[in-house]
Amino acid sequence: MDWILGLLAEGKDTSEEELLITMEKMVMIEKHFSPEQLEALRKRGEALGPEALQAAQEEWPRLIASVREEMEKGTDPASDQVQLLANRWTALIQAFSGGDSQIEASLAGMYQAEPDAAAQQGLDPALFKYIGAAMREGGKGG
């Protein structure tokens, strides 16, 4: 929403499609996060700053692609390579959530309940299962 408001305030052209997509995302997010969580996320975004948020937005597609590549190669989730990816995945989620487990649960619930939104991000149940297995392996302390 802030992105669209910024464009409008600067007088930049915004297509109807961009506005509709943004509105759909806002409705979806508001459906899965409480007002308190949304306020915490807003404050978290302010604390991180626009550069950090942009860097994270750019990193997610690369990370998802790397995880998918390892999954498709059949790499063991316990392997060092996949563990590094799982650690980065966890770090990005925690950067977003500020370590708030309820926000993380809402995020996971949103993607489970909204498979089309997840698919737009390159996420699917198989990928979630694979990265989840990697995270469980990493949590064993082995």
N, C-alpha and C. Protein backbone atom coordinates (compact mmCIF):
# COMPACT_ATOMS: atom_id res chain seq x y z
N MET A 1 0.83 -1.19 0.00
CA MET A 1 0.00 0.00 0.00
C MET A 1 0.88 1.25 0.00
N ASP A 2 1.87 1.29 0.87
CA ASP A 2 2.74 2.46 0.93
C ASP A 2 3.42 2.69 -0.41
N TRP A 3 3.76 1.61 -1.11
CA TRP A 3 4.41 1.72 -2.42
C TRP A 3 3.50 2.46 -3.40
N ILE A 4 2.24 2.05 -3.46
CA ILE A 4 1.28 2.70 -4.37
C ILE A 4 1.05 4.14 -3.94
N LEU A 5 0.88 4.38 -2.64
CA LEU A 5 0.67 5.75 -2.17
C LEU A 5 1.86 6.63 -2.52
N GLY A 6 3.07 6.07 -2.40
CA GLY A 6 4.27 6.82 -2.76
C GLY A 6 4.28 7.19 -4.23
N LEU A 7 3.91 6.25 -5.09
CA LEU A 7 3.86 6.53 -6.52
C LEU A 7 2.84 7.62 -6.83
N LEU A 8 1.68 7.51 -6.20
CA LEU A 8 0.64 8.50 -6.44
C LEU A 8 1.06 9.88 -5.94
N ALA A 9 1.70 9.90 -4.77
CA ALA A 9 2.16 11.17 -4.21
C ALA A 9 3.21 11.83 -5.09
N GLU A 10 4.04 11.01 -5.74
CA GLU A 10 5.08 11.53 -6.62
C GLU A 10 4.54 11.85 -8.01
N GLY A 11 3.27 11.54 -8.24
CA GLY A 11 2.68 11.82 -9.53
C GLY A 11 3.05 10.80 -10.60
N LYS A 12 3.58 9.64 -10.20
CA LYS A 12 3.96 8.62 -11.18
C LYS A 12 2.73 7.84 -11.61
N ASP A 13 2.77 7.39 -12.84
CA ASP A 13 1.67 6.59 -13.37
C ASP A 13 1.65 5.22 -12.71
N THR A 14 0.45 4.80 -12.36
CA THR A 14 0.25 3.48 -11.80
C THR A 14 -0.90 2.86 -12.58
N SER A 15 -0.67 1.68 -13.10
CA SER A 15 -1.71 1.05 -13.91
C SER A 15 -2.83 0.54 -13.01
N GLU A 16 -3.98 0.37 -13.63
CA GLU A 16 -5.11 -0.21 -12.90
C GLU A 16 -4.76 -1.60 -12.40
N GLU A 17 -4.01 -2.34 -13.21
CA GLU A 17 -3.62 -3.69 -12.81
C GLU A 17 -2.76 -3.65 -11.55
N GLU A 18 -1.81 -2.73 -11.47
CA GLU A 18 -0.96 -2.62 -10.28
C GLU A 18 -1.80 -2.27 -9.05
N LEU A 19 -2.75 -1.37 -9.23
CA LEU A 19 -3.63 -1.00 -8.13
C LEU A 19 -4.47 -2.18 -7.67
N LEU A 20 -5.02 -2.93 -8.61
CA LEU A 20 -5.84 -4.09 -8.25
C LEU A 20 -5.02 -5.17 -7.55
N ILE A 21 -3.83 -5.43 -8.05
CA ILE A 21 -2.97 -6.43 -7.42
C ILE A 21 -2.63 -6.02 -6.00
N THR A 22 -2.30 -4.76 -5.83
CA THR A 22 -1.96 -4.25 -4.49
C THR A 22 -3.15 -4.36 -3.56
N MET A 23 -4.33 -4.01 -4.05
CA MET A 23 -5.53 -4.10 -3.23
C MET A 23 -5.83 -5.54 -2.85
N GLU A 24 -5.66 -6.47 -3.79
CA GLU A 24 -5.87 -7.89 -3.50
C GLU A 24 -4.91 -8.37 -2.42
N LYS A 25 -3.64 -7.95 -2.52
CA LYS A 25 -2.65 -8.34 -1.52
C LYS A 25 -3.00 -7.77 -0.16
N MET A 26 -3.48 -6.52 -0.14
CA MET A 26 -3.85 -5.90 1.13
C MET A 26 -4.99 -6.65 1.79
N VAL A 27 -6.01 -7.01 1.02
CA VAL A 27 -7.15 -7.74 1.56
C VAL A 27 -6.70 -9.09 2.09
N MET A 28 -5.84 -9.79 1.34
CA MET A 28 -5.35 -11.09 1.77
C MET A 28 -4.56 -10.96 3.07
N ILE A 29 -3.69 -9.98 3.15
CA ILE A 29 -2.87 -9.79 4.34
C ILE A 29 -3.74 -9.45 5.54
N GLU A 30 -4.70 -8.55 5.34
CA GLU A 30 -5.57 -8.16 6.44
C GLU A 30 -6.43 -9.33 6.92
N LYS A 31 -6.68 -10.28 6.04
CA LYS A 31 -7.48 -11.45 6.41
C LYS A 31 -6.69 -12.40 7.31
N HIS A 32 -5.37 -12.42 7.18
CA HIS A 32 -4.56 -13.41 7.90
C HIS A 32 -3.75 -12.86 9.06
N PHE A 33 -3.65 -11.54 9.17
CA PHE A 33 -2.90 -10.92 10.25
C PHE A 33 -3.82 -10.03 11.07
N SER A 34 -3.65 -10.07 12.38
CA SER A 34 -4.46 -9.21 13.26
C SER A 34 -4.01 -7.76 13.12
N PRO A 35 -4.86 -6.81 13.53
CA PRO A 35 -4.44 -5.40 13.50
C PRO A 35 -3.14 -5.17 14.29
N GLU A 36 -2.99 -5.87 15.40
CA GLU A 36 -1.77 -5.73 16.21
C GLU A 36 -0.56 -6.24 15.45
N GLN A 37 -0.72 -7.35 14.75
CA GLN A 37 0.38 -7.90 13.95
C GLN A 37 0.72 -6.95 12.80
N LEU A 38 -0.29 -6.40 12.17
CA LEU A 38 -0.04 -5.47 11.07
C LEU A 38 0.71 -4.23 11.56
N GLU A 39 0.36 -3.76 12.74
CA GLU A 39 1.06 -2.60 13.31
C GLU A 39 2.51 -2.98 13.64
N ALA A 40 2.71 -4.18 14.19
CA ALA A 40 4.07 -4.64 14.50
C ALA A 40 4.89 -4.76 13.21
N LEU A 41 4.27 -5.25 12.15
CA LEU A 41 4.97 -5.36 10.86
C LEU A 41 5.30 -3.99 10.28
N ARG A 42 4.37 -3.06 10.43
CA ARG A 42 4.63 -1.70 9.95
C ARG A 42 5.84 -1.11 10.67
N LYS A 43 5.85 -1.25 11.99
CA LYS A 43 6.97 -0.73 12.78
C LYS A 43 8.27 -1.45 12.43
N ARG A 44 8.16 -2.75 12.19
CA ARG A 44 9.34 -3.53 11.81
C ARG A 44 9.90 -3.02 10.49
N GLY A 45 9.02 -2.75 9.54
CA GLY A 45 9.44 -2.21 8.25
C GLY A 45 10.13 -0.87 8.39
N GLU A 46 9.59 -0.02 9.25
CA GLU A 46 10.22 1.28 9.50
C GLU A 46 11.60 1.10 10.11
N ALA A 47 11.71 0.17 11.06
CA ALA A 47 13.00 -0.05 11.73
C ALA A 47 14.04 -0.59 10.75
N LEU A 48 13.62 -1.48 9.86
CA LEU A 48 14.55 -2.06 8.89
C LEU A 48 14.97 -1.04 7.84
N GLY A 49 14.02 -0.22 7.43
CA GLY A 49 14.31 0.78 6.40
C GLY A 49 14.06 0.25 5.00
N PRO A 50 13.86 1.16 4.06
CA PRO A 50 13.50 0.77 2.70
C PRO A 50 14.58 -0.05 1.99
N GLU A 51 15.84 0.23 2.25
CA GLU A 51 16.91 -0.51 1.57
C GLU A 51 16.92 -1.97 1.99
N ALA A 52 16.78 -2.21 3.30
CA ALA A 52 16.77 -3.59 3.80
C ALA A 52 15.54 -4.34 3.29
N LEU A 53 14.40 -3.66 3.25
CA LEU A 53 13.19 -4.30 2.74
C LEU A 53 13.35 -4.66 1.26
N GLN A 54 13.91 -3.75 0.50
CA GLN A 54 14.13 -4.00 -0.93
C GLN A 54 15.11 -5.16 -1.13
N ALA A 55 16.16 -5.19 -0.33
CA ALA A 55 17.15 -6.27 -0.44
C ALA A 55 16.50 -7.63 -0.14
N ALA A 56 15.64 -7.67 0.87
CA ALA A 56 14.96 -8.92 1.21
C ALA A 56 14.01 -9.33 0.09
N GLN A 57 13.28 -8.37 -0.47
CA GLN A 57 12.37 -8.68 -1.57
C GLN A 57 13.12 -9.23 -2.77
N GLU A 58 14.32 -8.75 -2.99
CA GLU A 58 15.13 -9.24 -4.11
C GLU A 58 15.77 -10.59 -3.80
N GLU A 59 16.04 -10.84 -2.53
CA GLU A 59 16.69 -12.10 -2.16
C GLU A 59 15.73 -13.28 -2.18
N TRP A 60 14.47 -13.07 -1.80
CA TRP A 60 13.53 -14.19 -1.73
C TRP A 60 13.45 -15.01 -3.02
N PRO A 61 13.26 -14.40 -4.18
CA PRO A 61 13.15 -15.22 -5.40
C PRO A 61 14.41 -16.04 -5.67
N ARG A 62 15.58 -15.47 -5.39
CA ARG A 62 16.83 -16.21 -5.58
C ARG A 62 16.92 -17.38 -4.60
N LEU A 63 16.54 -17.14 -3.36
CA LEU A 63 16.58 -18.19 -2.35
C LEU A 63 15.60 -19.31 -2.68
N ILE A 64 14.40 -18.94 -3.06
CA ILE A 64 13.39 -19.94 -3.43
C ILE A 64 13.88 -20.77 -4.61
N ALA A 65 14.47 -20.13 -5.60
CA ALA A 65 15.00 -20.85 -6.76
C ALA A 65 16.12 -21.80 -6.35
N SER A 66 16.98 -21.37 -5.44
CA SER A 66 18.08 -22.24 -4.98
C SER A 66 17.55 -23.45 -4.23
N VAL A 67 16.55 -23.24 -3.38
CA VAL A 67 15.96 -24.36 -2.64
C VAL A 67 15.30 -25.32 -3.62
N ARG A 68 14.56 -24.78 -4.58
CA ARG A 68 13.89 -25.62 -5.57
C ARG A 68 14.92 -26.44 -6.37
N GLU A 69 16.03 -25.81 -6.74
CA GLU A 69 17.06 -26.51 -7.49
C GLU A 69 17.61 -27.70 -6.69
N GLU A 70 17.88 -27.49 -5.42
CA GLU A 70 18.39 -28.58 -4.58
C GLU A 70 17.33 -29.66 -4.41
N MET A 71 16.08 -29.26 -4.25
CA MET A 71 14.99 -30.23 -4.11
C MET A 71 14.88 -31.08 -5.36
N GLU A 72 14.91 -30.43 -6.52
CA GLU A 72 14.77 -31.15 -7.79
C GLU A 72 15.95 -32.06 -8.07
N LYS A 73 17.14 -31.70 -7.57
CA LYS A 73 18.31 -32.56 -7.71
C LYS A 73 18.26 -33.74 -6.74
N GLY A 74 17.35 -33.67 -5.76
CA GLY A 74 17.24 -34.73 -4.78
C GLY A 74 18.26 -34.61 -3.65
N THR A 75 18.79 -33.41 -3.44
CA THR A 75 19.77 -33.19 -2.39
C THR A 75 19.13 -33.44 -1.02
N ASP A 76 19.81 -34.18 -0.18
CA ASP A 76 19.34 -34.48 1.17
C ASP A 76 19.13 -33.17 1.94
N PRO A 77 17.95 -32.98 2.57
CA PRO A 77 17.72 -31.77 3.35
C PRO A 77 18.73 -31.56 4.47
N ALA A 78 19.39 -32.63 4.90
CA ALA A 78 20.39 -32.51 5.96
C ALA A 78 21.76 -32.09 5.43
N SER A 79 21.92 -32.01 4.11
CA SER A 79 23.22 -31.66 3.53
C SER A 79 23.63 -30.25 3.93
N ASP A 80 24.93 -30.01 3.93
CA ASP A 80 25.44 -28.68 4.29
C ASP A 80 24.84 -27.60 3.39
N GLN A 81 24.76 -27.86 2.09
CA GLN A 81 24.24 -26.88 1.14
C GLN A 81 22.80 -26.49 1.48
N VAL A 82 21.96 -27.47 1.72
CA VAL A 82 20.56 -27.18 2.01
C VAL A 82 20.42 -26.57 3.40
N GLN A 83 21.27 -26.96 4.32
CA GLN A 83 21.23 -26.35 5.65
C GLN A 83 21.55 -24.85 5.58
N LEU A 84 22.49 -24.48 4.73
CA LEU A 84 22.79 -23.06 4.55
C LEU A 84 21.57 -22.31 4.01
N LEU A 85 20.90 -22.93 3.06
CA LEU A 85 19.69 -22.32 2.49
C LEU A 85 18.59 -22.21 3.54
N ALA A 86 18.43 -23.26 4.33
CA ALA A 86 17.40 -23.26 5.39
C ALA A 86 17.70 -22.18 6.43
N ASN A 87 18.97 -22.01 6.75
CA ASN A 87 19.34 -20.98 7.72
C ASN A 87 19.03 -19.59 7.17
N ARG A 88 19.29 -19.39 5.88
CA ARG A 88 19.00 -18.09 5.27
C ARG A 88 17.49 -17.86 5.22
N TRP A 89 16.74 -18.91 4.90
CA TRP A 89 15.27 -18.84 4.87
C TRP A 89 14.76 -18.39 6.24
N THR A 90 15.24 -19.05 7.28
CA THR A 90 14.84 -18.72 8.65
C THR A 90 15.21 -17.29 8.99
N ALA A 91 16.41 -16.86 8.60
CA ALA A 91 16.85 -15.50 8.90
C ALA A 91 15.96 -14.46 8.21
N LEU A 92 15.56 -14.73 6.98
CA LEU A 92 14.69 -13.78 6.27
C LEU A 92 13.31 -13.71 6.92
N ILE A 93 12.79 -14.85 7.33
CA ILE A 93 11.48 -14.85 8.00
C ILE A 93 11.58 -14.09 9.32
N GLN A 94 12.65 -14.33 10.06
CA GLN A 94 12.79 -13.65 11.34
C GLN A 94 13.03 -12.15 11.16
N ALA A 95 13.69 -11.77 10.09
CA ALA A 95 13.87 -10.35 9.81
C ALA A 95 12.50 -9.70 9.55
N PHE A 96 11.65 -10.42 8.85
CA PHE A 96 10.29 -9.94 8.56
C PHE A 96 9.46 -9.88 9.83
N SER A 97 9.51 -10.95 10.62
CA SER A 97 8.62 -11.09 11.78
C SER A 97 9.16 -10.44 13.04
N GLY A 98 10.44 -10.12 13.05
CA GLY A 98 11.05 -9.64 14.28
C GLY A 98 11.15 -10.73 15.32
N GLY A 99 11.07 -11.99 14.87
CA GLY A 99 11.14 -13.12 15.79
C GLY A 99 9.82 -13.43 16.48
N ASP A 100 8.74 -12.79 16.05
CA ASP A 100 7.41 -13.01 16.64
C ASP A 100 6.82 -14.30 16.07
N SER A 101 6.71 -15.32 16.91
CA SER A 101 6.24 -16.63 16.43
C SER A 101 4.79 -16.58 15.95
N GLN A 102 3.98 -15.68 16.51
CA GLN A 102 2.59 -15.57 16.06
C GLN A 102 2.51 -14.98 14.65
N ILE A 103 3.37 -14.01 14.36
CA ILE A 103 3.42 -13.45 13.01
C ILE A 103 3.90 -14.52 12.04
N GLU A 104 4.90 -15.29 12.44
CA GLU A 104 5.40 -16.36 11.59
C GLU A 104 4.32 -17.41 11.33
N ALA A 105 3.52 -17.72 12.35
CA ALA A 105 2.43 -18.68 12.18
C ALA A 105 1.36 -18.11 11.24
N SER A 106 1.08 -16.82 11.36
CA SER A 106 0.10 -16.19 10.46
C SER A 106 0.60 -16.21 9.03
N LEU A 107 1.90 -15.96 8.84
CA LEU A 107 2.48 -16.00 7.50
C LEU A 107 2.36 -17.39 6.90
N ALA A 108 2.72 -18.41 7.68
CA ALA A 108 2.61 -19.79 7.19
C ALA A 108 1.15 -20.13 6.88
N GLY A 109 0.25 -19.73 7.77
CA GLY A 109 -1.17 -19.99 7.55
C GLY A 109 -1.70 -19.30 6.30
N MET A 110 -1.21 -18.08 6.05
CA MET A 110 -1.64 -17.36 4.86
C MET A 110 -1.26 -18.13 3.60
N TYR A 111 -0.01 -18.58 3.54
CA TYR A 111 0.43 -19.29 2.34
C TYR A 111 -0.25 -20.65 2.19
N GLN A 112 -0.60 -21.29 3.31
CA GLN A 112 -1.33 -22.56 3.22
C GLN A 112 -2.76 -22.32 2.74
N ALA A 113 -3.37 -21.24 3.22
CA ALA A 113 -4.76 -20.95 2.86
C ALA A 113 -4.90 -20.28 1.50
N GLU A 114 -3.80 -19.71 1.01
CA GLU A 114 -3.83 -18.97 -0.26
C GLU A 114 -2.80 -19.56 -1.23
N PRO A 115 -3.06 -20.78 -1.73
CA PRO A 115 -2.05 -21.42 -2.58
C PRO A 115 -1.72 -20.63 -3.85
N ASP A 116 -2.68 -19.86 -4.37
CA ASP A 116 -2.38 -19.05 -5.56
C ASP A 116 -1.37 -17.96 -5.23
N ALA A 117 -1.51 -17.35 -4.05
CA ALA A 117 -0.55 -16.32 -3.63
C ALA A 117 0.82 -16.95 -3.42
N ALA A 118 0.84 -18.12 -2.83
CA ALA A 118 2.11 -18.82 -2.63
C ALA A 118 2.75 -19.15 -3.98
N ALA A 119 1.94 -19.63 -4.90
CA ALA A 119 2.46 -20.00 -6.23
C ALA A 119 3.04 -18.79 -6.95
N GLN A 120 2.45 -17.61 -6.75
CA GLN A 120 2.98 -16.40 -7.37
C GLN A 120 4.38 -16.09 -6.85
N GLN A 121 4.70 -16.57 -5.67
CA GLN A 121 6.01 -16.36 -5.09
C GLN A 121 6.97 -17.52 -5.39
N GLY A 122 6.48 -18.52 -6.15
CA GLY A 122 7.31 -19.68 -6.47
C GLY A 122 7.26 -20.75 -5.39
N LEU A 123 6.26 -20.67 -4.54
CA LEU A 123 6.13 -21.60 -3.42
C LEU A 123 5.03 -22.61 -3.70
N ASP A 124 5.25 -23.84 -3.26
CA ASP A 124 4.23 -24.87 -3.40
C ASP A 124 4.40 -25.85 -2.25
N PRO A 125 3.43 -26.75 -2.03
CA PRO A 125 3.52 -27.67 -0.89
C PRO A 125 4.80 -28.51 -0.88
N ALA A 126 5.26 -28.95 -2.03
CA ALA A 126 6.48 -29.76 -2.07
C ALA A 126 7.69 -28.97 -1.58
N LEU A 127 7.78 -27.71 -1.99
CA LEU A 127 8.90 -26.87 -1.56
C LEU A 127 8.82 -26.61 -0.06
N PHE A 128 7.62 -26.32 0.45
CA PHE A 128 7.45 -26.11 1.89
C PHE A 128 7.84 -27.36 2.67
N LYS A 129 7.45 -28.52 2.14
CA LYS A 129 7.79 -29.78 2.82
C LYS A 129 9.31 -29.97 2.85
N TYR A 130 9.95 -29.68 1.75
CA TYR A 130 11.40 -29.86 1.64
C TYR A 130 12.14 -28.91 2.58
N ILE A 131 11.79 -27.63 2.56
CA ILE A 131 12.49 -26.67 3.42
C ILE A 131 12.15 -26.94 4.88
N GLY A 132 10.94 -27.41 5.14
CA GLY A 132 10.57 -27.78 6.51
C GLY A 132 11.41 -28.94 7.02
N ALA A 133 11.65 -29.93 6.15
CA ALA A 133 12.51 -31.06 6.52
C ALA A 133 13.93 -30.57 6.81
N ALA A 134 14.40 -29.65 6.00
CA ALA A 134 15.75 -29.09 6.22
C ALA A 134 15.82 -28.36 7.57
N MET A 135 14.78 -27.61 7.88
CA MET A 135 14.76 -26.88 9.15
C MET A 135 14.71 -27.84 10.34
N ARG A 136 13.94 -28.92 10.20
CA ARG A 136 13.89 -29.91 11.28
C ARG A 136 15.25 -30.59 11.46
N GLU A 137 15.91 -30.89 10.34
CA GLU A 137 17.25 -31.50 10.40
C GLU A 137 18.23 -30.56 11.09
N GLY A 138 18.14 -29.29 10.76
CA GLY A 138 19.03 -28.29 11.37
C GLY A 138 18.78 -28.13 12.85
N GLY A 139 17.55 -28.35 13.27
CA GLY A 139 17.19 -28.22 14.68
C GLY A 139 17.64 -29.39 15.53
N LYS A 140 18.14 -30.45 14.89
CA LYS A 140 18.59 -31.63 15.64
C LYS A 140 19.96 -31.41 16.30
N GLY A 141 20.65 -30.38 15.85
CA GLY A 141 21.94 -30.08 16.45
C GLY A 141 23.01 -31.08 16.09
N GLY A 142 22.81 -31.82 15.00
CA GLY A 142 23.71 -32.88 14.59
C GLY A 142 24.84 -32.39 13.87
